[in-house]
Amino acid sequence: MTEFSEVVRNRRMTRAFRRDPVDPTIVDDLVDLASRSPSAGKTQGWHLVVLEGASTARFWDLSLPAEKRASFRWKHLLDAPVIALPLADASAYVDRYAEPDKARTGLGENEEAWPVPYWTIDTSMSVMTLLLGAEDVGLGALFFGVFNNEAAIRTELEIPEHLELLGAIALGYPVDNRSDKAQQGAGEGRSSTRARRSPDQIIHRGGWTSTPQH
């Protein structure tokens, strides 16, 4: 098994996939791993709608209609054999914190009682764990926003209105050959050339206005 630091450093957003199917048990294992992410009150208030194989067209036909695909840069993103939609359930957190062991917090009153939306935070951490897990088992993955026709996608997939859709995850085996990547539009995104911030640029020890320590 790869060292954790290597998994983190090697993980990239994959934008071109082979069409080879992913064994459903691998998806199950990744979701089991993701379910071990931090969760307020162990609420685990998140869900995944998973589309596999030909069923992924139900997502793409609405989010990227055929007439828009000619100008789409990442054409082989559509070859990903798995599309998963992470959903956060705020009501699960309100219900959990209304239980006797949490009621004193007052967070079981309503969503507005929460200072930050832990349902979004927890679901996001689960997604990150899934992305790292995919890297660890040799899969490529891409998290991306659902910016088009969300309402239609919700209707098509019968997603309850109260669930927050965070985005979508494409999952599958990445195109490996460098020349194949160039041909299939698998190059890195435009943001990849931005410099990575150093710890000194991120850490504010002792307070916001503190001088970085070396």
N, C-alpha and C. Protein backbone atom coordinates (compact mmCIF):
# COMPACT_ATOMS: atom_id res chain seq x y z
N MET A 1 0.85 -1.20 0.00
CA MET A 1 0.00 0.00 0.00
C MET A 1 0.88 1.25 0.00
N THR A 2 0.47 2.25 -0.75
CA THR A 2 1.24 3.49 -0.86
C THR A 2 1.22 4.26 0.46
N GLU A 3 2.33 4.92 0.78
CA GLU A 3 2.37 5.77 1.96
C GLU A 3 1.36 6.90 1.81
N PHE A 4 0.74 7.28 2.93
CA PHE A 4 -0.31 8.29 2.88
C PHE A 4 0.18 9.59 2.26
N SER A 5 1.39 10.03 2.64
CA SER A 5 1.90 11.29 2.10
C SER A 5 2.02 11.23 0.58
N GLU A 6 2.38 10.06 0.04
CA GLU A 6 2.47 9.90 -1.41
C GLU A 6 1.11 9.97 -2.06
N VAL A 7 0.10 9.37 -1.41
CA VAL A 7 -1.26 9.43 -1.94
C VAL A 7 -1.71 10.88 -2.06
N VAL A 8 -1.48 11.65 -1.00
CA VAL A 8 -1.90 13.05 -0.99
C VAL A 8 -1.16 13.84 -2.07
N ARG A 9 0.14 13.65 -2.17
CA ARG A 9 0.95 14.42 -3.12
C ARG A 9 0.69 14.00 -4.57
N ASN A 10 0.34 12.74 -4.78
CA ASN A 10 0.13 12.25 -6.15
C ASN A 10 -1.28 12.50 -6.66
N ARG A 11 -2.22 12.74 -5.77
CA ARG A 11 -3.60 12.90 -6.20
C ARG A 11 -3.75 14.11 -7.13
N ARG A 12 -4.42 13.89 -8.22
CA ARG A 12 -4.73 14.95 -9.17
C ARG A 12 -6.18 14.80 -9.62
N MET A 13 -6.75 15.88 -10.12
CA MET A 13 -8.07 15.79 -10.71
C MET A 13 -7.93 15.21 -12.12
N THR A 14 -8.58 14.09 -12.36
CA THR A 14 -8.50 13.40 -13.64
C THR A 14 -9.61 13.89 -14.56
N ARG A 15 -9.24 14.23 -15.79
CA ARG A 15 -10.22 14.78 -16.73
C ARG A 15 -10.43 13.92 -17.97
N ALA A 16 -9.74 12.79 -18.05
CA ALA A 16 -9.94 11.86 -19.17
C ALA A 16 -9.87 10.44 -18.64
N PHE A 17 -10.86 9.66 -18.97
CA PHE A 17 -10.98 8.31 -18.44
C PHE A 17 -11.07 7.28 -19.56
N ARG A 18 -10.62 6.08 -19.24
CA ARG A 18 -10.92 4.94 -20.09
C ARG A 18 -12.36 4.51 -19.81
N ARG A 19 -12.92 3.77 -20.73
CA ARG A 19 -14.31 3.33 -20.55
C ARG A 19 -14.43 2.05 -19.75
N ASP A 20 -13.31 1.49 -19.35
CA ASP A 20 -13.34 0.24 -18.58
C ASP A 20 -14.22 0.40 -17.34
N PRO A 21 -15.09 -0.56 -17.08
CA PRO A 21 -15.96 -0.45 -15.90
C PRO A 21 -15.16 -0.58 -14.60
N VAL A 22 -15.71 0.01 -13.56
CA VAL A 22 -15.15 -0.13 -12.22
C VAL A 22 -16.00 -1.13 -11.46
N ASP A 23 -15.37 -2.13 -10.88
CA ASP A 23 -16.10 -3.14 -10.12
C ASP A 23 -16.91 -2.45 -9.02
N PRO A 24 -18.20 -2.72 -8.93
CA PRO A 24 -19.03 -2.08 -7.89
C PRO A 24 -18.51 -2.30 -6.47
N THR A 25 -17.80 -3.42 -6.24
CA THR A 25 -17.27 -3.64 -4.89
C THR A 25 -16.17 -2.63 -4.56
N ILE A 26 -15.45 -2.14 -5.58
CA ILE A 26 -14.45 -1.10 -5.35
C ILE A 26 -15.14 0.20 -4.93
N VAL A 27 -16.23 0.52 -5.61
CA VAL A 27 -17.01 1.71 -5.23
C VAL A 27 -17.51 1.56 -3.81
N ASP A 28 -18.02 0.39 -3.47
CA ASP A 28 -18.51 0.14 -2.11
C ASP A 28 -17.40 0.34 -1.09
N ASP A 29 -16.21 -0.17 -1.41
CA ASP A 29 -15.08 -0.04 -0.48
C ASP A 29 -14.68 1.42 -0.29
N LEU A 30 -14.71 2.19 -1.38
CA LEU A 30 -14.37 3.61 -1.28
C LEU A 30 -15.39 4.36 -0.44
N VAL A 31 -16.66 4.02 -0.61
CA VAL A 31 -17.70 4.68 0.18
C VAL A 31 -17.59 4.28 1.65
N ASP A 32 -17.25 3.02 1.90
CA ASP A 32 -17.04 2.58 3.28
C ASP A 32 -15.89 3.37 3.92
N LEU A 33 -14.82 3.57 3.14
CA LEU A 33 -13.69 4.36 3.64
C LEU A 33 -14.14 5.79 3.91
N ALA A 34 -14.89 6.38 2.98
CA ALA A 34 -15.35 7.76 3.14
C ALA A 34 -16.28 7.92 4.34
N SER A 35 -17.00 6.85 4.66
CA SER A 35 -17.93 6.93 5.79
C SER A 35 -17.22 7.05 7.12
N ARG A 36 -15.92 6.84 7.11
CA ARG A 36 -15.12 6.95 8.34
C ARG A 36 -14.56 8.35 8.54
N SER A 37 -14.93 9.27 7.68
CA SER A 37 -14.50 10.66 7.84
C SER A 37 -15.16 11.28 9.07
N PRO A 38 -14.61 12.38 9.59
CA PRO A 38 -15.23 13.03 10.74
C PRO A 38 -16.69 13.38 10.49
N SER A 39 -17.50 13.24 11.52
CA SER A 39 -18.93 13.53 11.40
C SER A 39 -19.46 14.04 12.72
N ALA A 40 -20.00 15.24 12.74
CA ALA A 40 -20.52 15.84 13.97
C ALA A 40 -21.59 14.94 14.57
N GLY A 41 -21.37 14.55 15.81
CA GLY A 41 -22.33 13.68 16.47
C GLY A 41 -22.47 12.32 15.82
N LYS A 42 -21.50 11.97 14.99
CA LYS A 42 -21.57 10.76 14.17
C LYS A 42 -22.90 10.68 13.43
N THR A 43 -23.34 11.83 12.96
CA THR A 43 -24.62 11.91 12.25
C THR A 43 -24.55 11.20 10.91
N GLN A 44 -23.43 11.36 10.22
CA GLN A 44 -23.23 10.73 8.91
C GLN A 44 -24.35 11.09 7.94
N GLY A 45 -24.69 12.38 7.93
CA GLY A 45 -25.82 12.84 7.15
C GLY A 45 -25.48 13.15 5.70
N TRP A 46 -24.95 12.15 5.00
CA TRP A 46 -24.64 12.36 3.58
C TRP A 46 -25.02 11.12 2.79
N HIS A 47 -25.25 11.34 1.51
CA HIS A 47 -25.67 10.27 0.61
C HIS A 47 -24.94 10.43 -0.72
N LEU A 48 -24.90 9.35 -1.48
CA LEU A 48 -24.35 9.38 -2.84
C LEU A 48 -25.37 8.76 -3.80
N VAL A 49 -25.73 9.50 -4.83
CA VAL A 49 -26.45 8.90 -5.94
C VAL A 49 -25.38 8.46 -6.93
N VAL A 50 -25.32 7.16 -7.21
CA VAL A 50 -24.25 6.60 -8.05
C VAL A 50 -24.84 6.10 -9.36
N LEU A 51 -24.29 6.60 -10.45
CA LEU A 51 -24.66 6.15 -11.79
C LEU A 51 -23.47 5.42 -12.39
N GLU A 52 -23.72 4.24 -12.96
CA GLU A 52 -22.64 3.42 -13.49
C GLU A 52 -22.94 3.00 -14.93
N GLY A 53 -21.87 2.90 -15.72
CA GLY A 53 -22.02 2.45 -17.09
C GLY A 53 -22.90 3.37 -17.92
N ALA A 54 -23.81 2.79 -18.67
CA ALA A 54 -24.68 3.56 -19.56
C ALA A 54 -25.58 4.54 -18.80
N SER A 55 -25.79 4.28 -17.52
CA SER A 55 -26.67 5.16 -16.73
C SER A 55 -26.07 6.55 -16.53
N THR A 56 -24.74 6.70 -16.74
CA THR A 56 -24.14 8.02 -16.57
C THR A 56 -24.71 9.02 -17.58
N ALA A 57 -25.26 8.52 -18.70
CA ALA A 57 -25.86 9.40 -19.70
C ALA A 57 -27.04 10.18 -19.12
N ARG A 58 -27.68 9.64 -18.12
CA ARG A 58 -28.81 10.35 -17.48
C ARG A 58 -28.33 11.66 -16.88
N PHE A 59 -27.09 11.69 -16.41
CA PHE A 59 -26.50 12.92 -15.87
C PHE A 59 -26.00 13.82 -16.99
N TRP A 60 -25.20 13.27 -17.90
CA TRP A 60 -24.57 14.09 -18.93
C TRP A 60 -25.57 14.68 -19.91
N ASP A 61 -26.63 13.97 -20.23
CA ASP A 61 -27.60 14.49 -21.20
C ASP A 61 -28.28 15.76 -20.69
N LEU A 62 -28.29 15.94 -19.37
CA LEU A 62 -28.89 17.15 -18.79
C LEU A 62 -27.84 18.20 -18.43
N SER A 63 -26.70 17.77 -17.92
CA SER A 63 -25.69 18.74 -17.49
C SER A 63 -24.83 19.24 -18.65
N LEU A 64 -24.69 18.43 -19.69
CA LEU A 64 -23.91 18.82 -20.87
C LEU A 64 -24.60 18.25 -22.12
N PRO A 65 -25.68 18.90 -22.56
CA PRO A 65 -26.43 18.41 -23.72
C PRO A 65 -25.54 18.25 -24.95
N ALA A 66 -25.96 17.37 -25.85
CA ALA A 66 -25.16 17.00 -27.02
C ALA A 66 -24.72 18.21 -27.84
N GLU A 67 -25.58 19.22 -27.96
CA GLU A 67 -25.25 20.38 -28.80
C GLU A 67 -24.12 21.22 -28.22
N LYS A 68 -23.76 21.02 -26.95
CA LYS A 68 -22.69 21.79 -26.33
C LYS A 68 -21.37 21.02 -26.26
N ARG A 69 -21.37 19.79 -26.69
CA ARG A 69 -20.19 18.95 -26.48
C ARG A 69 -19.07 19.22 -27.47
N ALA A 70 -19.38 19.75 -28.62
CA ALA A 70 -18.35 20.00 -29.62
C ALA A 70 -17.29 20.96 -29.10
N SER A 71 -17.69 21.92 -28.29
CA SER A 71 -16.77 22.92 -27.77
C SER A 71 -16.26 22.59 -26.37
N PHE A 72 -16.63 21.43 -25.85
CA PHE A 72 -16.23 21.05 -24.49
C PHE A 72 -14.80 20.54 -24.51
N ARG A 73 -13.96 21.13 -23.68
CA ARG A 73 -12.52 20.82 -23.72
C ARG A 73 -12.20 19.40 -23.27
N TRP A 74 -12.90 18.90 -22.27
CA TRP A 74 -12.55 17.61 -21.66
C TRP A 74 -13.50 16.52 -22.16
N LYS A 75 -13.41 16.20 -23.44
CA LYS A 75 -14.38 15.30 -24.05
C LYS A 75 -14.39 13.90 -23.42
N HIS A 76 -13.23 13.42 -22.99
CA HIS A 76 -13.17 12.07 -22.45
C HIS A 76 -13.46 12.02 -20.95
N LEU A 77 -13.85 13.15 -20.40
CA LEU A 77 -14.45 13.13 -19.07
C LEU A 77 -15.75 12.35 -19.12
N LEU A 78 -16.43 12.44 -20.27
CA LEU A 78 -17.71 11.75 -20.43
C LEU A 78 -17.56 10.24 -20.51
N ASP A 79 -16.32 9.76 -20.63
CA ASP A 79 -16.08 8.31 -20.65
C ASP A 79 -16.00 7.71 -19.25
N ALA A 80 -16.00 8.55 -18.22
CA ALA A 80 -15.92 8.03 -16.85
C ALA A 80 -17.05 7.04 -16.62
N PRO A 81 -16.73 5.84 -16.17
CA PRO A 81 -17.77 4.82 -16.00
C PRO A 81 -18.63 4.99 -14.76
N VAL A 82 -18.24 5.92 -13.89
CA VAL A 82 -19.02 6.17 -12.67
C VAL A 82 -19.17 7.67 -12.47
N ILE A 83 -20.39 8.09 -12.20
CA ILE A 83 -20.68 9.46 -11.76
C ILE A 83 -21.42 9.36 -10.44
N ALA A 84 -20.89 10.02 -9.42
CA ALA A 84 -21.51 9.99 -8.10
C ALA A 84 -21.84 11.41 -7.66
N LEU A 85 -23.03 11.59 -7.14
CA LEU A 85 -23.49 12.90 -6.70
C LEU A 85 -23.58 12.93 -5.18
N PRO A 86 -22.69 13.67 -4.49
CA PRO A 86 -22.72 13.75 -3.03
C PRO A 86 -23.79 14.72 -2.55
N LEU A 87 -24.55 14.28 -1.58
CA LEU A 87 -25.69 15.04 -1.07
C LEU A 87 -25.60 15.18 0.44
N ALA A 88 -25.80 16.40 0.93
CA ALA A 88 -25.76 16.66 2.36
C ALA A 88 -27.17 16.85 2.91
N ASP A 89 -27.44 16.24 4.06
CA ASP A 89 -28.78 16.26 4.65
C ASP A 89 -28.77 17.06 5.95
N ALA A 90 -29.15 18.32 5.86
CA ALA A 90 -29.17 19.18 7.05
C ALA A 90 -30.14 18.66 8.11
N SER A 91 -31.28 18.14 7.68
CA SER A 91 -32.29 17.69 8.64
C SER A 91 -31.78 16.56 9.52
N ALA A 92 -30.86 15.74 9.00
CA ALA A 92 -30.30 14.66 9.80
C ALA A 92 -29.53 15.21 11.00
N TYR A 93 -28.88 16.37 10.81
CA TYR A 93 -28.11 16.98 11.89
C TYR A 93 -29.02 17.62 12.93
N VAL A 94 -30.06 18.26 12.47
CA VAL A 94 -31.02 18.83 13.41
C VAL A 94 -31.65 17.72 14.24
N ASP A 95 -32.05 16.64 13.58
CA ASP A 95 -32.65 15.51 14.30
C ASP A 95 -31.68 14.88 15.27
N ARG A 96 -30.43 14.71 14.86
CA ARG A 96 -29.44 14.08 15.73
C ARG A 96 -29.20 14.91 16.98
N TYR A 97 -29.14 16.24 16.80
CA TYR A 97 -28.84 17.10 17.95
C TYR A 97 -30.07 17.44 18.77
N ALA A 98 -31.21 16.90 18.38
CA ALA A 98 -32.40 16.97 19.22
C ALA A 98 -32.50 15.75 20.14
N GLU A 99 -31.62 14.77 19.92
CA GLU A 99 -31.61 13.58 20.76
C GLU A 99 -31.08 13.92 22.14
N PRO A 100 -31.46 13.12 23.15
CA PRO A 100 -31.13 13.46 24.55
C PRO A 100 -29.67 13.80 24.83
N ASP A 101 -28.72 13.08 24.22
CA ASP A 101 -27.31 13.32 24.54
C ASP A 101 -26.77 14.59 23.92
N LYS A 102 -27.54 15.21 23.00
CA LYS A 102 -27.08 16.43 22.33
C LYS A 102 -28.03 17.61 22.52
N ALA A 103 -29.17 17.38 23.11
CA ALA A 103 -30.22 18.42 23.17
C ALA A 103 -29.75 19.69 23.85
N ARG A 104 -28.86 19.58 24.81
CA ARG A 104 -28.42 20.77 25.55
C ARG A 104 -27.65 21.76 24.67
N THR A 105 -27.18 21.32 23.53
CA THR A 105 -26.45 22.22 22.63
C THR A 105 -27.36 23.25 21.97
N GLY A 106 -28.64 22.96 21.90
CA GLY A 106 -29.58 23.85 21.22
C GLY A 106 -29.55 23.72 19.70
N LEU A 107 -28.70 22.87 19.18
CA LEU A 107 -28.57 22.73 17.74
C LEU A 107 -29.67 21.88 17.12
N GLY A 108 -30.48 21.29 17.98
CA GLY A 108 -31.59 20.50 17.49
C GLY A 108 -32.84 21.32 17.24
N GLU A 109 -32.73 22.65 17.41
CA GLU A 109 -33.89 23.51 17.21
C GLU A 109 -34.24 23.64 15.72
N ASN A 110 -33.25 24.00 14.94
CA ASN A 110 -33.43 24.18 13.50
C ASN A 110 -32.06 24.38 12.85
N GLU A 111 -32.04 24.49 11.53
CA GLU A 111 -30.77 24.67 10.81
C GLU A 111 -30.10 25.98 11.16
N GLU A 112 -30.92 27.02 11.42
CA GLU A 112 -30.37 28.35 11.71
C GLU A 112 -29.60 28.37 13.03
N ALA A 113 -29.80 27.39 13.90
CA ALA A 113 -29.10 27.35 15.18
C ALA A 113 -27.62 26.97 15.02
N TRP A 114 -27.27 26.45 13.86
CA TRP A 114 -25.91 26.02 13.64
C TRP A 114 -25.05 27.19 13.18
N PRO A 115 -23.90 27.43 13.81
CA PRO A 115 -23.04 28.56 13.41
C PRO A 115 -22.43 28.36 12.03
N VAL A 116 -22.18 27.12 11.66
CA VAL A 116 -21.70 26.76 10.31
C VAL A 116 -22.44 25.49 9.90
N PRO A 117 -22.61 25.28 8.59
CA PRO A 117 -23.36 24.09 8.13
C PRO A 117 -22.51 22.83 8.19
N TYR A 118 -22.54 22.14 9.32
CA TYR A 118 -21.72 20.95 9.47
C TYR A 118 -22.08 19.85 8.48
N TRP A 119 -23.31 19.84 7.98
CA TRP A 119 -23.69 18.85 6.98
C TRP A 119 -22.86 19.01 5.71
N THR A 120 -22.60 20.29 5.35
CA THR A 120 -21.77 20.54 4.17
C THR A 120 -20.32 20.19 4.46
N ILE A 121 -19.84 20.55 5.66
CA ILE A 121 -18.46 20.26 6.04
C ILE A 121 -18.22 18.76 6.06
N ASP A 122 -19.10 18.02 6.71
CA ASP A 122 -18.91 16.58 6.84
C ASP A 122 -18.98 15.88 5.48
N THR A 123 -19.92 16.29 4.66
CA THR A 123 -20.01 15.68 3.33
C THR A 123 -18.77 15.99 2.51
N SER A 124 -18.26 17.20 2.63
CA SER A 124 -17.04 17.58 1.92
C SER A 124 -15.85 16.75 2.38
N MET A 125 -15.74 16.51 3.68
CA MET A 125 -14.63 15.68 4.17
C MET A 125 -14.77 14.25 3.66
N SER A 126 -15.99 13.77 3.56
CA SER A 126 -16.21 12.42 3.04
C SER A 126 -15.80 12.35 1.57
N VAL A 127 -16.12 13.39 0.81
CA VAL A 127 -15.72 13.44 -0.60
C VAL A 127 -14.20 13.43 -0.72
N MET A 128 -13.52 14.22 0.11
CA MET A 128 -12.06 14.26 0.06
C MET A 128 -11.47 12.89 0.39
N THR A 129 -12.02 12.22 1.37
CA THR A 129 -11.54 10.88 1.71
C THR A 129 -11.74 9.93 0.54
N LEU A 130 -12.87 10.05 -0.14
CA LEU A 130 -13.14 9.20 -1.30
C LEU A 130 -12.13 9.47 -2.41
N LEU A 131 -11.82 10.75 -2.65
CA LEU A 131 -10.84 11.10 -3.69
C LEU A 131 -9.47 10.51 -3.37
N LEU A 132 -9.07 10.59 -2.11
CA LEU A 132 -7.77 10.02 -1.71
C LEU A 132 -7.80 8.50 -1.82
N GLY A 133 -8.93 7.91 -1.45
CA GLY A 133 -9.06 6.46 -1.56
C GLY A 133 -8.96 6.00 -3.00
N ALA A 134 -9.55 6.78 -3.91
CA ALA A 134 -9.48 6.44 -5.33
C ALA A 134 -8.03 6.44 -5.81
N GLU A 135 -7.28 7.45 -5.40
CA GLU A 135 -5.85 7.51 -5.76
C GLU A 135 -5.11 6.29 -5.23
N ASP A 136 -5.42 5.89 -4.03
CA ASP A 136 -4.73 4.79 -3.38
C ASP A 136 -4.94 3.46 -4.11
N VAL A 137 -6.10 3.29 -4.77
CA VAL A 137 -6.37 2.02 -5.45
C VAL A 137 -6.17 2.12 -6.96
N GLY A 138 -5.56 3.22 -7.41
CA GLY A 138 -5.21 3.34 -8.82
C GLY A 138 -6.30 3.88 -9.72
N LEU A 139 -7.32 4.48 -9.13
CA LEU A 139 -8.38 5.10 -9.93
C LEU A 139 -8.13 6.59 -10.06
N GLY A 140 -8.68 7.18 -11.11
CA GLY A 140 -8.69 8.62 -11.25
C GLY A 140 -10.04 9.14 -10.78
N ALA A 141 -10.07 10.39 -10.35
CA ALA A 141 -11.33 10.98 -9.89
C ALA A 141 -11.30 12.48 -10.14
N LEU A 142 -12.47 13.02 -10.35
CA LEU A 142 -12.63 14.46 -10.53
C LEU A 142 -13.86 14.92 -9.79
N PHE A 143 -13.69 15.89 -8.90
CA PHE A 143 -14.85 16.56 -8.29
C PHE A 143 -15.11 17.83 -9.09
N PHE A 144 -16.34 18.05 -9.49
CA PHE A 144 -16.68 19.25 -10.26
C PHE A 144 -18.09 19.72 -9.92
N GLY A 145 -18.33 20.99 -10.20
CA GLY A 145 -19.62 21.58 -9.88
C GLY A 145 -20.69 21.21 -10.89
N VAL A 146 -21.93 21.18 -10.42
CA VAL A 146 -23.07 20.97 -11.30
C VAL A 146 -23.70 22.33 -11.53
N PHE A 147 -23.32 22.96 -12.63
CA PHE A 147 -23.72 24.34 -12.89
C PHE A 147 -24.90 24.46 -13.85
N ASN A 148 -25.26 23.36 -14.49
CA ASN A 148 -26.32 23.42 -15.50
C ASN A 148 -27.43 22.44 -15.20
N ASN A 149 -28.65 22.93 -15.26
CA ASN A 149 -29.85 22.09 -15.17
C ASN A 149 -29.92 21.24 -13.90
N GLU A 150 -29.52 21.83 -12.77
CA GLU A 150 -29.58 21.07 -11.53
C GLU A 150 -31.01 20.61 -11.23
N ALA A 151 -31.97 21.48 -11.45
CA ALA A 151 -33.36 21.11 -11.15
C ALA A 151 -33.80 19.91 -11.97
N ALA A 152 -33.43 19.90 -13.25
CA ALA A 152 -33.80 18.78 -14.12
C ALA A 152 -33.09 17.50 -13.70
N ILE A 153 -31.84 17.62 -13.27
CA ILE A 153 -31.09 16.45 -12.80
C ILE A 153 -31.74 15.90 -11.54
N ARG A 154 -32.13 16.78 -10.65
CA ARG A 154 -32.80 16.34 -9.43
C ARG A 154 -34.09 15.59 -9.75
N THR A 155 -34.83 16.12 -10.70
CA THR A 155 -36.09 15.47 -11.08
C THR A 155 -35.82 14.11 -11.70
N GLU A 156 -34.86 14.06 -12.63
CA GLU A 156 -34.53 12.81 -13.31
C GLU A 156 -34.11 11.73 -12.34
N LEU A 157 -33.33 12.11 -11.32
CA LEU A 157 -32.77 11.14 -10.38
C LEU A 157 -33.57 11.05 -9.09
N GLU A 158 -34.69 11.77 -9.03
CA GLU A 158 -35.60 11.73 -7.89
C GLU A 158 -34.91 12.09 -6.57
N ILE A 159 -34.08 13.13 -6.62
CA ILE A 159 -33.36 13.58 -5.43
C ILE A 159 -34.28 14.48 -4.60
N PRO A 160 -34.50 14.17 -3.34
CA PRO A 160 -35.37 15.00 -2.49
C PRO A 160 -34.91 16.45 -2.42
N GLU A 161 -35.85 17.36 -2.39
CA GLU A 161 -35.55 18.79 -2.43
C GLU A 161 -34.70 19.26 -1.25
N HIS A 162 -34.86 18.63 -0.09
CA HIS A 162 -34.16 19.14 1.10
C HIS A 162 -32.67 18.78 1.13
N LEU A 163 -32.21 17.94 0.21
CA LEU A 163 -30.81 17.55 0.20
C LEU A 163 -29.99 18.54 -0.62
N GLU A 164 -28.83 18.92 -0.08
CA GLU A 164 -27.92 19.85 -0.75
C GLU A 164 -26.99 19.08 -1.68
N LEU A 165 -27.01 19.42 -2.96
CA LEU A 165 -26.13 18.80 -3.94
C LEU A 165 -24.82 19.57 -3.97
N LEU A 166 -23.73 18.91 -3.59
CA LEU A 166 -22.44 19.60 -3.53
C LEU A 166 -21.75 19.68 -4.89
N GLY A 167 -22.02 18.74 -5.76
CA GLY A 167 -21.35 18.69 -7.05
C GLY A 167 -21.44 17.29 -7.59
N ALA A 168 -20.44 16.87 -8.34
CA ALA A 168 -20.40 15.53 -8.92
C ALA A 168 -18.98 15.00 -8.86
N ILE A 169 -18.86 13.67 -8.79
CA ILE A 169 -17.57 13.00 -8.80
C ILE A 169 -17.55 12.05 -9.98
N ALA A 170 -16.59 12.25 -10.88
CA ALA A 170 -16.34 11.28 -11.96
C ALA A 170 -15.27 10.33 -11.46
N LEU A 171 -15.47 9.06 -11.71
CA LEU A 171 -14.57 8.05 -11.16
C LEU A 171 -14.30 6.97 -12.21
N GLY A 172 -13.05 6.57 -12.35
CA GLY A 172 -12.71 5.52 -13.29
C GLY A 172 -11.21 5.39 -13.47
N TYR A 173 -10.82 4.60 -14.45
CA TYR A 173 -9.40 4.40 -14.72
C TYR A 173 -8.91 5.51 -15.65
N PRO A 174 -7.87 6.22 -15.26
CA PRO A 174 -7.40 7.35 -16.07
C PRO A 174 -6.68 6.91 -17.32
N VAL A 175 -6.67 7.78 -18.34
CA VAL A 175 -5.85 7.57 -19.51
C VAL A 175 -4.40 7.66 -19.06
N ASP A 176 -3.59 6.66 -19.35
CA ASP A 176 -2.24 6.59 -18.82
C ASP A 176 -1.17 7.15 -19.74
N ASN A 177 -1.26 6.83 -21.02
CA ASN A 177 -0.22 7.21 -21.96
C ASN A 177 -0.20 8.71 -22.20
N ARG A 178 1.00 9.32 -22.13
CA ARG A 178 1.11 10.78 -22.27
C ARG A 178 0.58 11.27 -23.62
N SER A 179 0.88 10.55 -24.71
CA SER A 179 0.39 10.97 -26.02
C SER A 179 -1.11 10.81 -26.12
N ASP A 180 -1.63 9.75 -25.50
CA ASP A 180 -3.08 9.57 -25.49
C ASP A 180 -3.76 10.70 -24.75
N LYS A 181 -3.13 11.16 -23.67
CA LYS A 181 -3.71 12.26 -22.91
C LYS A 181 -3.82 13.51 -23.77
N ALA A 182 -2.78 13.78 -24.53
CA ALA A 182 -2.79 14.96 -25.38
C ALA A 182 -3.89 14.86 -26.43
N GLN A 183 -4.05 13.66 -27.01
CA GLN A 183 -5.05 13.48 -28.04
C GLN A 183 -6.47 13.55 -27.48
N GLN A 184 -6.64 13.11 -26.24
CA GLN A 184 -7.97 13.00 -25.69
C GLN A 184 -8.35 14.19 -24.81
N GLY A 185 -7.55 15.25 -24.84
CA GLY A 185 -7.88 16.41 -24.03
C GLY A 185 -7.79 16.14 -22.56
N ALA A 186 -6.71 15.49 -22.15
CA ALA A 186 -6.58 15.10 -20.74
C ALA A 186 -5.54 15.93 -20.02
N GLY A 187 -5.10 17.02 -20.63
CA GLY A 187 -4.08 17.84 -19.99
C GLY A 187 -4.57 18.44 -18.69
N GLU A 188 -3.64 19.00 -17.94
CA GLU A 188 -4.00 19.59 -16.65
C GLU A 188 -4.83 20.85 -16.86
N GLY A 189 -5.63 21.17 -15.86
CA GLY A 189 -6.47 22.35 -15.93
C GLY A 189 -5.64 23.63 -15.92
N ARG A 190 -6.27 24.72 -16.29
CA ARG A 190 -5.56 25.99 -16.40
C ARG A 190 -4.99 26.46 -15.06
N SER A 191 -5.56 26.00 -13.98
CA SER A 191 -5.10 26.44 -12.66
C SER A 191 -3.85 25.71 -12.19
N SER A 192 -3.46 24.66 -12.92
CA SER A 192 -2.36 23.81 -12.45
C SER A 192 -1.03 24.54 -12.39
N THR A 193 -0.88 25.63 -13.15
CA THR A 193 0.40 26.34 -13.17
C THR A 193 0.53 27.34 -12.01
N ARG A 194 -0.53 27.54 -11.27
CA ARG A 194 -0.45 28.45 -10.12
C ARG A 194 0.47 27.87 -9.07
N ALA A 195 1.27 28.72 -8.46
CA ALA A 195 2.20 28.27 -7.43
C ALA A 195 1.45 27.79 -6.20
N ARG A 196 1.96 26.74 -5.58
CA ARG A 196 1.37 26.25 -4.34
C ARG A 196 1.86 27.12 -3.18
N ARG A 197 0.95 27.55 -2.35
CA ARG A 197 1.32 28.39 -1.21
C ARG A 197 2.12 27.59 -0.20
N SER A 198 3.10 28.24 0.40
CA SER A 198 3.95 27.59 1.39
C SER A 198 3.27 27.65 2.76
N PRO A 199 3.69 26.79 3.70
CA PRO A 199 3.13 26.87 5.04
C PRO A 199 3.25 28.26 5.66
N ASP A 200 4.37 28.96 5.40
CA ASP A 200 4.55 30.30 5.96
C ASP A 200 3.51 31.29 5.44
N GLN A 201 2.98 31.04 4.26
CA GLN A 201 1.96 31.92 3.70
C GLN A 201 0.57 31.59 4.24
N ILE A 202 0.45 30.44 4.85
CA ILE A 202 -0.85 29.97 5.32
C ILE A 202 -1.00 30.13 6.83
N ILE A 203 0.07 29.87 7.57
CA ILE A 203 0.00 29.85 9.03
C ILE A 203 0.11 31.26 9.60
N HIS A 204 -0.78 31.59 10.54
CA HIS A 204 -0.72 32.84 11.31
C HIS A 204 -0.63 32.44 12.78
N ARG A 205 0.58 32.20 13.26
CA ARG A 205 0.75 31.73 14.63
C ARG A 205 0.51 32.84 15.63
N GLY A 206 -0.34 32.54 16.59
CA GLY A 206 -0.62 33.49 17.66
C GLY A 206 -1.68 34.52 17.32
N GLY A 207 -2.15 34.58 16.11
CA GLY A 207 -3.14 35.55 15.70
C GLY A 207 -2.96 35.92 14.23
N TRP A 208 -3.95 36.59 13.69
CA TRP A 208 -3.94 36.89 12.25
C TRP A 208 -2.76 37.75 11.83
N THR A 209 -2.41 38.75 12.64
CA THR A 209 -1.39 39.71 12.24
C THR A 209 0.02 39.29 12.66
N SER A 210 0.17 38.06 13.13
CA SER A 210 1.48 37.61 13.60
C SER A 210 2.46 37.50 12.43
N THR A 211 3.74 37.69 12.75
CA THR A 211 4.79 37.52 11.76
C THR A 211 5.09 36.05 11.59
N PRO A 212 5.17 35.55 10.36
CA PRO A 212 5.47 34.13 10.16
C PRO A 212 6.76 33.74 10.86
N GLN A 213 6.74 32.56 11.49
CA GLN A 213 7.91 32.04 12.20
C GLN A 213 8.69 31.11 11.27
N HIS A 214 10.00 31.26 11.29
CA HIS A 214 10.84 30.41 10.43
C HIS A 214 11.70 29.51 11.31
